[in-house]
Amino acid sequence: LVDDWIKTEDSSSFELARAIHKNEGMLVGGSSGSVMAAAIEAIKKHKLRPDQRCVVVFPDNIRNYLNKFVDDNWMKEKGLMEGDVARPTYDSLKAEKDELADKVKELEAKLAAK
């Protein structure tokens, strides 16, 4: 039986998971950030008093996310964080690789013509 269903956004989920890493030292995953976002919304909705408690169970850990939302560049590439990407993107590296492959073909053609 479900009393409430609360939809969360990726941006707030990842932001909260990162805050939990930084402030609590708990290496939780993105789903845990979603649970925390939903808990905050439920606390506001039901107007919990300071003497009341809300138990939150974090359902995942950071293991599957190490190259995702933990990385500032990934967050920026996905539009989940403001700022410039500090490393090359996949698309820029692919374009560079394709350009170099074309140059190699040109050089091979010149060598074959000799």
PDB file of N, CA and C in Angstrom:
ATOM      1  N   LEU A   1       0.853  -1.172   0.000  1.00  0.00           N
ATOM      2  CA  LEU A   1       0.000   0.000   0.000  1.00  0.00           C
ATOM      3  C   LEU A   1       0.901   1.238   0.000  1.00  0.00           C
ATOM      4  N   VAL A   2       0.662   2.120  -0.940  1.00  0.00           N
ATOM      5  CA  VAL A   2       1.456   3.338  -1.073  1.00  0.00           C
ATOM      6  C   VAL A   2       0.603   4.530  -0.650  1.00  0.00           C
ATOM      7  N   ASP A   3       1.122   5.305   0.308  1.00  0.00           N
ATOM      8  CA  ASP A   3       0.405   6.495   0.756  1.00  0.00           C
ATOM      9  C   ASP A   3       0.690   7.690  -0.141  1.00  0.00           C
ATOM     10  N   ASP A   4       1.925   7.842  -0.539  1.00  0.00           N
ATOM     11  CA  ASP A   4       2.345   8.962  -1.386  1.00  0.00           C
ATOM     12  C   ASP A   4       3.307   8.470  -2.454  1.00  0.00           C
ATOM     13  N   TRP A   5       3.224   9.086  -3.609  1.00  0.00           N
ATOM     14  CA  TRP A   5       4.178   8.829  -4.680  1.00  0.00           C
ATOM     15  C   TRP A   5       4.778  10.179  -5.027  1.00  0.00           C
ATOM     16  N   ILE A   6       6.087  10.311  -4.873  1.00  0.00           N
ATOM     17  CA  ILE A   6       6.738  11.596  -5.101  1.00  0.00           C
ATOM     18  C   ILE A   6       7.751  11.441  -6.230  1.00  0.00           C
ATOM     19  N   LYS A   7       7.567  12.202  -7.297  1.00  0.00           N
ATOM     20  CA  LYS A   7       8.469  12.189  -8.453  1.00  0.00           C
ATOM     21  C   LYS A   7       9.606  13.164  -8.189  1.00  0.00           C
ATOM     22  N   THR A   8      10.826  12.730  -8.472  1.00  0.00           N
ATOM     23  CA  THR A   8      11.990  13.600  -8.295  1.00  0.00           C
ATOM     24  C   THR A   8      12.676  13.815  -9.641  1.00  0.00           C
ATOM     25  N   GLU A   9      13.467  14.852  -9.712  1.00  0.00           N
ATOM     26  CA  GLU A   9      14.230  15.171 -10.917  1.00  0.00           C
ATOM     27  C   GLU A   9      15.677  14.705 -10.750  1.00  0.00           C
ATOM     28  N   ASP A  10      16.321  14.338 -11.859  1.00  0.00           N
ATOM     29  CA  ASP A  10      17.719  13.902 -11.806  1.00  0.00           C
ATOM     30  C   ASP A  10      18.617  14.962 -11.176  1.00  0.00           C
ATOM     31  N   SER A  11      18.407  16.222 -11.560  1.00  0.00           N
ATOM     32  CA  SER A  11      19.303  17.273 -11.064  1.00  0.00           C
ATOM     33  C   SER A  11      19.276  17.360  -9.542  1.00  0.00           C
ATOM     34  N   SER A  12      18.092  17.358  -8.943  1.00  0.00           N
ATOM     35  CA  SER A  12      18.024  17.442  -7.476  1.00  0.00           C
ATOM     36  C   SER A  12      18.505  16.147  -6.823  1.00  0.00           C
ATOM     37  N   SER A  13      18.252  15.018  -7.457  1.00  0.00           N
ATOM     38  CA  SER A  13      18.711  13.731  -6.921  1.00  0.00           C
ATOM     39  C   SER A  13      20.232  13.669  -6.868  1.00  0.00           C
ATOM     40  N   PHE A  14      20.872  14.038  -7.969  1.00  0.00           N
ATOM     41  CA  PHE A  14      22.331  14.010  -8.020  1.00  0.00           C
ATOM     42  C   PHE A  14      22.931  15.065  -7.097  1.00  0.00           C
ATOM     43  N   GLU A  15      22.306  16.229  -7.063  1.00  0.00           N
ATOM     44  CA  GLU A  15      22.790  17.301  -6.182  1.00  0.00           C
ATOM     45  C   GLU A  15      22.754  16.862  -4.722  1.00  0.00           C
ATOM     46  N   LEU A  16      21.656  16.233  -4.314  1.00  0.00           N
ATOM     47  CA  LEU A  16      21.543  15.770  -2.926  1.00  0.00           C
ATOM     48  C   LEU A  16      22.511  14.629  -2.632  1.00  0.00           C
ATOM     49  N   ALA A  17      22.688  13.702  -3.575  1.00  0.00           N
ATOM     50  CA  ALA A  17      23.644  12.604  -3.359  1.00  0.00           C
ATOM     51  C   ALA A  17      25.050  13.169  -3.178  1.00  0.00           C
ATOM     52  N   ARG A  18      25.412  14.163  -3.994  1.00  0.00           N
ATOM     53  CA  ARG A  18      26.726  14.793  -3.868  1.00  0.00           C
ATOM     54  C   ARG A  18      26.852  15.523  -2.533  1.00  0.00           C
ATOM     55  N   ALA A  19      25.774  16.155  -2.068  1.00  0.00           N
ATOM     56  CA  ALA A  19      25.797  16.832  -0.768  1.00  0.00           C
ATOM     57  C   ALA A  19      25.969  15.820   0.364  1.00  0.00           C
ATOM     58  N   ILE A  20      25.340  14.659   0.235  1.00  0.00           N
ATOM     59  CA  ILE A  20      25.484  13.604   1.250  1.00  0.00           C
ATOM     60  C   ILE A  20      26.939  13.124   1.286  1.00  0.00           C
ATOM     61  N   HIS A  21      27.562  12.985   0.107  1.00  0.00           N
ATOM     62  CA  HIS A  21      28.984  12.604   0.056  1.00  0.00           C
ATOM     63  C   HIS A  21      29.808  13.619   0.827  1.00  0.00           C
ATOM     64  N   LYS A  22      29.609  14.880   0.496  1.00  0.00           N
ATOM     65  CA  LYS A  22      30.426  15.963   1.045  1.00  0.00           C
ATOM     66  C   LYS A  22      30.174  16.186   2.531  1.00  0.00           C
ATOM     67  N   ASN A  23      28.920  16.226   2.929  1.00  0.00           N
ATOM     68  CA  ASN A  23      28.571  16.619   4.300  1.00  0.00           C
ATOM     69  C   ASN A  23      28.500  15.464   5.289  1.00  0.00           C
ATOM     70  N   GLU A  24      28.148  14.288   4.813  1.00  0.00           N
ATOM     71  CA  GLU A  24      27.971  13.146   5.712  1.00  0.00           C
ATOM     72  C   GLU A  24      29.036  12.066   5.521  1.00  0.00           C
ATOM     73  N   GLY A  25      29.769  12.126   4.409  1.00  0.00           N
ATOM     74  CA  GLY A  25      30.786  11.114   4.149  1.00  0.00           C
ATOM     75  C   GLY A  25      30.215   9.761   3.766  1.00  0.00           C
ATOM     76  N   MET A  26      28.954   9.740   3.390  1.00  0.00           N
ATOM     77  CA  MET A  26      28.299   8.495   2.983  1.00  0.00           C
ATOM     78  C   MET A  26      28.326   8.418   1.461  1.00  0.00           C
ATOM     79  N   LEU A  27      28.889   7.354   0.911  1.00  0.00           N
ATOM     80  CA  LEU A  27      29.047   7.220  -0.528  1.00  0.00           C
ATOM     81  C   LEU A  27      27.805   6.574  -1.150  1.00  0.00           C
ATOM     82  N   VAL A  28      26.757   7.376  -1.242  1.00  0.00           N
ATOM     83  CA  VAL A  28      25.470   6.909  -1.759  1.00  0.00           C
ATOM     84  C   VAL A  28      25.387   7.142  -3.263  1.00  0.00           C
ATOM     85  N   GLY A  29      24.465   6.442  -3.907  1.00  0.00           N
ATOM     86  CA  GLY A  29      24.244   6.591  -5.337  1.00  0.00           C
ATOM     87  C   GLY A  29      23.124   7.561  -5.655  1.00  0.00           C
ATOM     88  N   GLY A  30      22.818   7.678  -6.934  1.00  0.00           N
ATOM     89  CA  GLY A  30      21.796   8.611  -7.391  1.00  0.00           C
ATOM     90  C   GLY A  30      20.404   8.287  -6.885  1.00  0.00           C
ATOM     91  N   SER A  31      20.081   7.012  -6.757  1.00  0.00           N
ATOM     92  CA  SER A  31      18.760   6.636  -6.238  1.00  0.00           C
ATOM     93  C   SER A  31      18.606   7.070  -4.786  1.00  0.00           C
ATOM     94  N   SER A  32      19.690   7.046  -4.051  1.00  0.00           N
ATOM     95  CA  SER A  32      19.652   7.521  -2.668  1.00  0.00           C
ATOM     96  C   SER A  32      19.391   9.022  -2.633  1.00  0.00           C
ATOM     97  N   GLY A  33      19.955   9.748  -3.596  1.00  0.00           N
ATOM     98  CA  GLY A  33      19.657  11.174  -3.709  1.00  0.00           C
ATOM     99  C   GLY A  33      18.184  11.404  -3.995  1.00  0.00           C
ATOM    100  N   SER A  34      17.590  10.543  -4.832  1.00  0.00           N
ATOM    101  CA  SER A  34      16.154  10.637  -5.133  1.00  0.00           C
ATOM    102  C   SER A  34      15.316  10.396  -3.883  1.00  0.00           C
ATOM    103  N   VAL A  35      15.721   9.389  -3.118  1.00  0.00           N
ATOM    104  CA  VAL A  35      14.989   9.079  -1.882  1.00  0.00           C
ATOM    105  C   VAL A  35      15.061  10.267  -0.918  1.00  0.00           C
ATOM    106  N   MET A  36      16.238  10.884  -0.815  1.00  0.00           N
ATOM    107  CA  MET A  36      16.393  12.024   0.086  1.00  0.00           C
ATOM    108  C   MET A  36      15.554  13.207  -0.393  1.00  0.00           C
ATOM    109  N   ALA A  37      15.526  13.450  -1.706  1.00  0.00           N
ATOM    110  CA  ALA A  37      14.705  14.533  -2.260  1.00  0.00           C
ATOM    111  C   ALA A  37      13.228  14.290  -1.954  1.00  0.00           C
ATOM    112  N   ALA A  38      12.796  13.052  -2.108  1.00  0.00           N
ATOM    113  CA  ALA A  38      11.399  12.703  -1.814  1.00  0.00           C
ATOM    114  C   ALA A  38      11.106  12.844  -0.322  1.00  0.00           C
ATOM    115  N   ALA A  39      12.050  12.473   0.526  1.00  0.00           N
ATOM    116  CA  ALA A  39      11.862  12.602   1.978  1.00  0.00           C
ATOM    117  C   ALA A  39      11.705  14.068   2.367  1.00  0.00           C
ATOM    118  N   ILE A  40      12.527  14.924   1.790  1.00  0.00           N
ATOM    119  CA  ILE A  40      12.424  16.360   2.091  1.00  0.00           C
ATOM    120  C   ILE A  40      11.058  16.889   1.665  1.00  0.00           C
ATOM    121  N   GLU A  41      10.612  16.480   0.474  1.00  0.00           N
ATOM    122  CA  GLU A  41       9.288  16.899  -0.020  1.00  0.00           C
ATOM    123  C   GLU A  41       8.182  16.383   0.906  1.00  0.00           C
ATOM    124  N   ALA A  42       8.281  15.131   1.346  1.00  0.00           N
ATOM    125  CA  ALA A  42       7.267  14.551   2.242  1.00  0.00           C
ATOM    126  C   ALA A  42       7.245  15.267   3.589  1.00  0.00           C
ATOM    127  N   ILE A  43       8.415  15.601   4.105  1.00  0.00           N
ATOM    128  CA  ILE A  43       8.495  16.317   5.381  1.00  0.00           C
ATOM    129  C   ILE A  43       7.787  17.659   5.269  1.00  0.00           C
ATOM    130  N   LYS A  44       8.017  18.360   4.167  1.00  0.00           N
ATOM    131  CA  LYS A  44       7.348  19.648   3.949  1.00  0.00           C
ATOM    132  C   LYS A  44       5.847  19.461   3.777  1.00  0.00           C
ATOM    133  N   LYS A  45       5.457  18.478   2.968  1.00  0.00           N
ATOM    134  CA  LYS A  45       4.042  18.235   2.666  1.00  0.00           C
ATOM    135  C   LYS A  45       3.249  17.889   3.925  1.00  0.00           C
ATOM    136  N   HIS A  46       3.821  17.045   4.776  1.00  0.00           N
ATOM    137  CA  HIS A  46       3.109  16.582   5.972  1.00  0.00           C
ATOM    138  C   HIS A  46       3.412  17.423   7.208  1.00  0.00           C
ATOM    139  N   LYS A  47       4.214  18.476   7.009  1.00  0.00           N
ATOM    140  CA  LYS A  47       4.537  19.427   8.079  1.00  0.00           C
ATOM    141  C   LYS A  47       5.025  18.737   9.351  1.00  0.00           C
ATOM    142  N   LEU A  48       6.055  17.917   9.188  1.00  0.00           N
ATOM    143  CA  LEU A  48       6.626  17.261  10.364  1.00  0.00           C
ATOM    144  C   LEU A  48       7.193  18.295  11.321  1.00  0.00           C
ATOM    145  N   ARG A  49       6.964  18.071  12.586  1.00  0.00           N
ATOM    146  CA  ARG A  49       7.475  18.968  13.627  1.00  0.00           C
ATOM    147  C   ARG A  49       8.893  18.561  13.999  1.00  0.00           C
ATOM    148  N   PRO A  50       9.645  19.455  14.642  1.00  0.00           N
ATOM    149  CA  PRO A  50      11.015  19.119  15.043  1.00  0.00           C
ATOM    150  C   PRO A  50      11.106  17.904  15.974  1.00  0.00           C
ATOM    151  N   ASP A  51      10.037  17.610  16.714  1.00  0.00           N
ATOM    152  CA  ASP A  51      10.079  16.458  17.621  1.00  0.00           C
ATOM    153  C   ASP A  51       9.685  15.147  16.931  1.00  0.00           C
ATOM    154  N   GLN A  52       9.348  15.203  15.654  1.00  0.00           N
ATOM    155  CA  GLN A  52       9.006  14.003  14.900  1.00  0.00           C
ATOM    156  C   GLN A  52      10.214  13.545  14.075  1.00  0.00           C
ATOM    157  N   ARG A  53      10.231  12.276  13.701  1.00  0.00           N
ATOM    158  CA  ARG A  53      11.345  11.712  12.944  1.00  0.00           C
ATOM    159  C   ARG A  53      10.861  11.161  11.605  1.00  0.00           C
ATOM    160  N   CYS A  54      11.757  11.194  10.652  1.00  0.00           N
ATOM    161  CA  CYS A  54      11.515  10.606   9.336  1.00  0.00           C
ATOM    162  C   CYS A  54      12.693   9.686   9.048  1.00  0.00           C
ATOM    163  N   VAL A  55      12.431   8.414   8.821  1.00  0.00           N
ATOM    164  CA  VAL A  55      13.482   7.446   8.533  1.00  0.00           C
ATOM    165  C   VAL A  55      13.640   7.344   7.018  1.00  0.00           C
ATOM    166  N   VAL A  56      14.886   7.444   6.561  1.00  0.00           N
ATOM    167  CA  VAL A  56      15.189   7.357   5.134  1.00  0.00           C
ATOM    168  C   VAL A  56      16.163   6.195   4.931  1.00  0.00           C
ATOM    169  N   VAL A  57      15.822   5.282   4.038  1.00  0.00           N
ATOM    170  CA  VAL A  57      16.692   4.145   3.716  1.00  0.00           C
ATOM    171  C   VAL A  57      17.309   4.407   2.345  1.00  0.00           C
ATOM    172  N   PHE A  58      18.634   4.465   2.306  1.00  0.00           N
ATOM    173  CA  PHE A  58      19.333   4.698   1.042  1.00  0.00           C
ATOM    174  C   PHE A  58      19.489   3.374   0.299  1.00  0.00           C
ATOM    175  N   PRO A  59      18.940   3.268  -0.912  1.00  0.00           N
ATOM    176  CA  PRO A  59      18.890   1.974  -1.609  1.00  0.00           C
ATOM    177  C   PRO A  59      20.119   1.596  -2.438  1.00  0.00           C
ATOM    178  N   ASP A  60      21.091   2.495  -2.584  1.00  0.00           N
ATOM    179  CA  ASP A  60      22.238   2.144  -3.413  1.00  0.00           C
ATOM    180  C   ASP A  60      23.503   2.816  -2.905  1.00  0.00           C
ATOM    181  N   ASN A  61      24.608   2.497  -3.579  1.00  0.00           N
ATOM    182  CA  ASN A  61      25.882   3.122  -3.215  1.00  0.00           C
ATOM    183  C   ASN A  61      26.517   3.723  -4.463  1.00  0.00           C
ATOM    184  N   ILE A  62      27.697   4.252  -4.297  1.00  0.00           N
ATOM    185  CA  ILE A  62      28.349   5.013  -5.362  1.00  0.00           C
ATOM    186  C   ILE A  62      29.030   4.149  -6.415  1.00  0.00           C
ATOM    187  N   ARG A  63      29.164   2.858  -6.178  1.00  0.00           N
ATOM    188  CA  ARG A  63      29.965   1.972  -7.036  1.00  0.00           C
ATOM    189  C   ARG A  63      29.647   2.121  -8.526  1.00  0.00           C
ATOM    190  N   ASN A  64      28.396   2.149  -8.898  1.00  0.00           N
ATOM    191  CA  ASN A  64      28.026   2.206 -10.317  1.00  0.00           C
ATOM    192  C   ASN A  64      28.025   3.619 -10.887  1.00  0.00           C
ATOM    193  N   TYR A  65      28.356   4.611 -10.080  1.00  0.00           N
ATOM    194  CA  TYR A  65      28.245   6.001 -10.519  1.00  0.00           C
ATOM    195  C   TYR A  65      29.585   6.729 -10.578  1.00  0.00           C
ATOM    196  N   LEU A  66      30.683   6.038 -10.375  1.00  0.00           N
ATOM    197  CA  LEU A  66      31.979   6.716 -10.258  1.00  0.00           C
ATOM    198  C   LEU A  66      32.350   7.546 -11.480  1.00  0.00           C
ATOM    199  N   ASN A  67      31.904   7.157 -12.659  1.00  0.00           N
ATOM    200  CA  ASN A  67      32.215   7.954 -13.848  1.00  0.00           C
ATOM    201  C   ASN A  67      30.986   8.735 -14.327  1.00  0.00           C
ATOM    202  N   LYS A  68      30.015   8.904 -13.448  1.00  0.00           N
ATOM    203  CA  LYS A  68      28.797   9.625 -13.827  1.00  0.00           C
ATOM    204  C   LYS A  68      28.658  10.872 -12.960  1.00  0.00           C
ATOM    205  N   PHE A  69      27.607  10.958 -12.152  1.00  0.00           N
ATOM    206  CA  PHE A  69      27.281  12.206 -11.470  1.00  0.00           C
ATOM    207  C   PHE A  69      28.315  12.668 -10.444  1.00  0.00           C
ATOM    208  N   VAL A  70      29.238  11.812 -10.069  1.00  0.00           N
ATOM    209  CA  VAL A  70      30.302  12.212  -9.148  1.00  0.00           C
ATOM    210  C   VAL A  70      31.293  13.139  -9.865  1.00  0.00           C
ATOM    211  N   ASP A  71      31.350  13.032 -11.175  1.00  0.00           N
ATOM    212  CA  ASP A  71      32.273  13.807 -12.008  1.00  0.00           C
ATOM    213  C   ASP A  71      31.614  15.123 -12.433  1.00  0.00           C
ATOM    214  N   ASP A  72      32.213  16.252 -12.047  1.00  0.00           N
ATOM    215  CA  ASP A  72      31.677  17.570 -12.404  1.00  0.00           C
ATOM    216  C   ASP A  72      31.526  17.715 -13.917  1.00  0.00           C
ATOM    217  N   ASN A  73      32.488  17.202 -14.682  1.00  0.00           N
ATOM    218  CA  ASN A  73      32.414  17.323 -16.137  1.00  0.00           C
ATOM    219  C   ASN A  73      31.205  16.586 -16.705  1.00  0.00           C
ATOM    220  N   TRP A  74      30.911  15.409 -16.186  1.00  0.00           N
ATOM    221  CA  TRP A  74      29.734  14.647 -16.636  1.00  0.00           C
ATOM    222  C   TRP A  74      28.470  15.434 -16.336  1.00  0.00           C
ATOM    223  N   MET A  75      28.403  16.009 -15.138  1.00  0.00           N
ATOM    224  CA  MET A  75      27.226  16.813 -14.756  1.00  0.00           C
ATOM    225  C   MET A  75      27.055  17.995 -15.708  1.00  0.00           C
ATOM    226  N   LYS A  76      28.154  18.650 -16.066  1.00  0.00           N
ATOM    227  CA  LYS A  76      28.099  19.797 -16.981  1.00  0.00           C
ATOM    228  C   LYS A  76      27.705  19.365 -18.390  1.00  0.00           C
ATOM    229  N   GLU A  77      28.257  18.250 -18.858  1.00  0.00           N
ATOM    230  CA  GLU A  77      27.928  17.744 -20.192  1.00  0.00           C
ATOM    231  C   GLU A  77      26.451  17.408 -20.313  1.00  0.00           C
ATOM    232  N   LYS A  78      25.850  16.925 -19.233  1.00  0.00           N
ATOM    233  CA  LYS A  78      24.442  16.532 -19.244  1.00  0.00           C
ATOM    234  C   LYS A  78      23.504  17.694 -18.903  1.00  0.00           C
ATOM    235  N   GLY A  79      24.065  18.878 -18.676  1.00  0.00           N
ATOM    236  CA  GLY A  79      23.245  20.042 -18.360  1.00  0.00           C
ATOM    237  C   GLY A  79      22.699  20.041 -16.948  1.00  0.00           C
ATOM    238  N   LEU A  80      23.310  19.270 -16.065  1.00  0.00           N
ATOM    239  CA  LEU A  80      22.847  19.170 -14.682  1.00  0.00           C
ATOM    240  C   LEU A  80      23.620  20.095 -13.749  1.00  0.00           C
ATOM    241  N   MET A  81      24.652  20.769 -14.302  1.00  0.00           N
ATOM    242  CA  MET A  81      25.466  21.679 -13.510  1.00  0.00           C
ATOM    243  C   MET A  81      25.938  22.791 -14.449  1.00  0.00           C
ATOM    244  N   GLU A  82      26.022  23.992 -13.926  1.00  0.00           N
ATOM    245  CA  GLU A  82      26.499  25.138 -14.699  1.00  0.00           C
ATOM    246  C   GLU A  82      28.015  25.098 -14.826  1.00  0.00           C
ATOM    247  N   GLY A  83      28.544  25.683 -15.895  1.00  0.00           N
ATOM    248  CA  GLY A  83      29.983  25.821 -16.055  1.00  0.00           C
ATOM    249  C   GLY A  83      30.498  25.157 -17.307  1.00  0.00           C
ATOM    250  N   ASP A  84      31.780  25.373 -17.548  1.00  0.00           N
ATOM    251  CA  ASP A  84      32.434  24.813 -18.725  1.00  0.00           C
ATOM    252  C   ASP A  84      33.064  23.464 -18.392  1.00  0.00           C
ATOM    253  N   VAL A  85      33.028  22.571 -19.363  1.00  0.00           N
ATOM    254  CA  VAL A  85      33.648  21.262 -19.210  1.00  0.00           C
ATOM    255  C   VAL A  85      35.167  21.445 -19.248  1.00  0.00           C
ATOM    256  N   ALA A  86      35.848  20.879 -18.284  1.00  0.00           N
ATOM    257  CA  ALA A  86      37.296  21.065 -18.147  1.00  0.00           C
ATOM    258  C   ALA A  86      38.112  19.980 -18.843  1.00  0.00           C
ATOM    259  N   ARG A  87      37.465  19.092 -19.557  1.00  0.00           N
ATOM    260  CA  ARG A  87      38.169  18.044 -20.289  1.00  0.00           C
ATOM    261  C   ARG A  87      37.461  17.853 -21.626  1.00  0.00           C
ATOM    262  N   PRO A  88      38.124  17.223 -22.569  1.00  0.00           N
ATOM    263  CA  PRO A  88      37.468  17.006 -23.869  1.00  0.00           C
ATOM    264  C   PRO A  88      36.230  16.122 -23.716  1.00  0.00           C
ATOM    265  N   THR A  89      35.232  16.384 -24.546  1.00  0.00           N
ATOM    266  CA  THR A  89      34.035  15.552 -24.549  1.00  0.00           C
ATOM    267  C   THR A  89      34.237  14.382 -25.519  1.00  0.00           C
ATOM    268  N   TYR A  90      33.357  13.426 -25.474  1.00  0.00           N
ATOM    269  CA  TYR A  90      33.411  12.290 -26.394  1.00  0.00           C
ATOM    270  C   TYR A  90      33.360  12.786 -27.835  1.00  0.00           C
ATOM    271  N   ASP A  91      32.443  13.716 -28.112  1.00  0.00           N
ATOM    272  CA  ASP A  91      32.274  14.212 -29.478  1.00  0.00           C
ATOM    273  C   ASP A  91      33.533  14.914 -29.987  1.00  0.00           C
ATOM    274  N   SER A  92      34.178  15.726 -29.131  1.00  0.00           N
ATOM    275  CA  SER A  92      35.384  16.423 -29.578  1.00  0.00           C
ATOM    276  C   SER A  92      36.534  15.434 -29.808  1.00  0.00           C
ATOM    277  N   LEU A  93      36.636  14.417 -28.961  1.00  0.00           N
ATOM    278  CA  LEU A  93      37.683  13.407 -29.155  1.00  0.00           C
ATOM    279  C   LEU A  93      37.440  12.575 -30.418  1.00  0.00           C
ATOM    280  N   LYS A  94      36.182  12.262 -30.690  1.00  0.00           N
ATOM    281  CA  LYS A  94      35.847  11.503 -31.901  1.00  0.00           C
ATOM    282  C   LYS A  94      36.176  12.327 -33.139  1.00  0.00           C
ATOM    283  N   ALA A  95      35.854  13.615 -33.129  1.00  0.00           N
ATOM    284  CA  ALA A  95      36.164  14.483 -34.267  1.00  0.00           C
ATOM    285  C   ALA A  95      37.675  14.559 -34.490  1.00  0.00           C
ATOM    286  N   GLU A  96      38.427  14.664 -33.406  1.00  0.00           N
ATOM    287  CA  GLU A  96      39.888  14.709 -33.511  1.00  0.00           C
ATOM    288  C   GLU A  96      40.437  13.397 -34.066  1.00  0.00           C
ATOM    289  N   LYS A  97      39.889  12.277 -33.604  1.00  0.00           N
ATOM    290  CA  LYS A  97      40.307  10.958 -34.091  1.00  0.00           C
ATOM    291  C   LYS A  97      40.018  10.820 -35.579  1.00  0.00           C
ATOM    292  N   ASP A  98      38.833  11.242 -36.006  1.00  0.00           N
ATOM    293  CA  ASP A  98      38.467  11.162 -37.418  1.00  0.00           C
ATOM    294  C   ASP A  98      39.385  12.033 -38.279  1.00  0.00           C
ATOM    295  N   GLU A  99      39.708  13.213 -37.788  1.00  0.00           N
ATOM    296  CA  GLU A  99      40.603  14.116 -38.506  1.00  0.00           C
ATOM    297  C   GLU A  99      41.994  13.497 -38.654  1.00  0.00           C
ATOM    298  N   LEU A 100      42.494  12.897 -37.575  1.00  0.00           N
ATOM    299  CA  LEU A 100      43.800  12.243 -37.635  1.00  0.00           C
ATOM    300  C   LEU A 100      43.786  11.030 -38.568  1.00  0.00           C
ATOM    301  N   ALA A 101      42.682  10.281 -38.571  1.00  0.00           N
ATOM    302  CA  ALA A 101      42.562   9.127 -39.462  1.00  0.00           C
ATOM    303  C   ALA A 101      42.616   9.581 -40.929  1.00  0.00           C
ATOM    304  N   ASP A 102      41.974  10.723 -41.229  1.00  0.00           N
ATOM    305  CA  ASP A 102      42.021  11.265 -42.593  1.00  0.00           C
ATOM    306  C   ASP A 102      43.447  11.657 -42.975  1.00  0.00           C
ATOM    307  N   LYS A 103      44.179  12.265 -42.038  1.00  0.00           N
ATOM    308  CA  LYS A 103      45.571  12.654 -42.307  1.00  0.00           C
ATOM    309  C   LYS A 103      46.445  11.423 -42.554  1.00  0.00           C
ATOM    310  N   VAL A 104      46.220  10.369 -41.788  1.00  0.00           N
ATOM    311  CA  VAL A 104      46.973   9.124 -41.968  1.00  0.00           C
ATOM    312  C   VAL A 104      46.703   8.565 -43.359  1.00  0.00           C
ATOM    313  N   LYS A 105      45.441   8.582 -43.811  1.00  0.00           N
ATOM    314  CA  LYS A 105      45.103   8.086 -45.145  1.00  0.00           C
ATOM    315  C   LYS A 105      45.815   8.902 -46.222  1.00  0.00           C
ATOM    316  N   GLU A 106      45.856  10.227 -46.045  1.00  0.00           N
ATOM    317  CA  GLU A 106      46.551  11.095 -47.000  1.00  0.00           C
ATOM    318  C   GLU A 106      48.037  10.740 -47.072  1.00  0.00           C
ATOM    319  N   LEU A 107      48.649  10.575 -45.907  1.00  0.00           N
ATOM    320  CA  LEU A 107      50.087  10.243 -45.866  1.00  0.00           C
ATOM    321  C   LEU A 107      50.341   8.866 -46.475  1.00  0.00           C
ATOM    322  N   GLU A 108      49.474   7.913 -46.207  1.00  0.00           N
ATOM    323  CA  GLU A 108      49.629   6.581 -46.801  1.00  0.00           C
ATOM    324  C   GLU A 108      49.498   6.646 -48.317  1.00  0.00           C
ATOM    325  N   ALA A 109      48.579   7.475 -48.803  1.00  0.00           N
ATOM    326  CA  ALA A 109      48.399   7.627 -50.248  1.00  0.00           C
ATOM    327  C   ALA A 109      49.658   8.255 -50.875  1.00  0.00           C
ATOM    328  N   LYS A 110      50.244   9.241 -50.210  1.00  0.00           N
ATOM    329  CA  LYS A 110      51.472   9.864 -50.715  1.00  0.00           C
ATOM    330  C   LYS A 110      52.612   8.859 -50.755  1.00  0.00           C
ATOM    331  N   LEU A 111      52.744   8.052 -49.721  1.00  0.00           N
ATOM    332  CA  LEU A 111      53.791   7.029 -49.679  1.00  0.00           C
ATOM    333  C   LEU A 111      53.587   5.984 -50.774  1.00  0.00           C
ATOM    334  N   ALA A 112      52.352   5.603 -50.995  1.00  0.00           N
ATOM    335  CA  ALA A 112      52.055   4.592 -52.031  1.00  0.00           C
ATOM    336  C   ALA A 112      52.330   5.145 -53.420  1.00  0.00           C
ATOM    337  N   ALA A 113      52.189   6.461 -53.607  1.00  0.00           N
ATOM    338  CA  ALA A 113      52.409   7.088 -54.911  1.00  0.00           C
ATOM    339  C   ALA A 113      53.893   7.188 -55.268  1.00  0.00           C
ATOM    340  N   LYS A 114      54.759   7.096 -54.274  1.00  0.00           N
ATOM    341  CA  LYS A 114      56.205   7.234 -54.517  1.00  0.00           C
ATOM    342  C   LYS A 114      56.795   6.019 -55.157  1.00  0.00           C
TER     343      LYS A 114
END
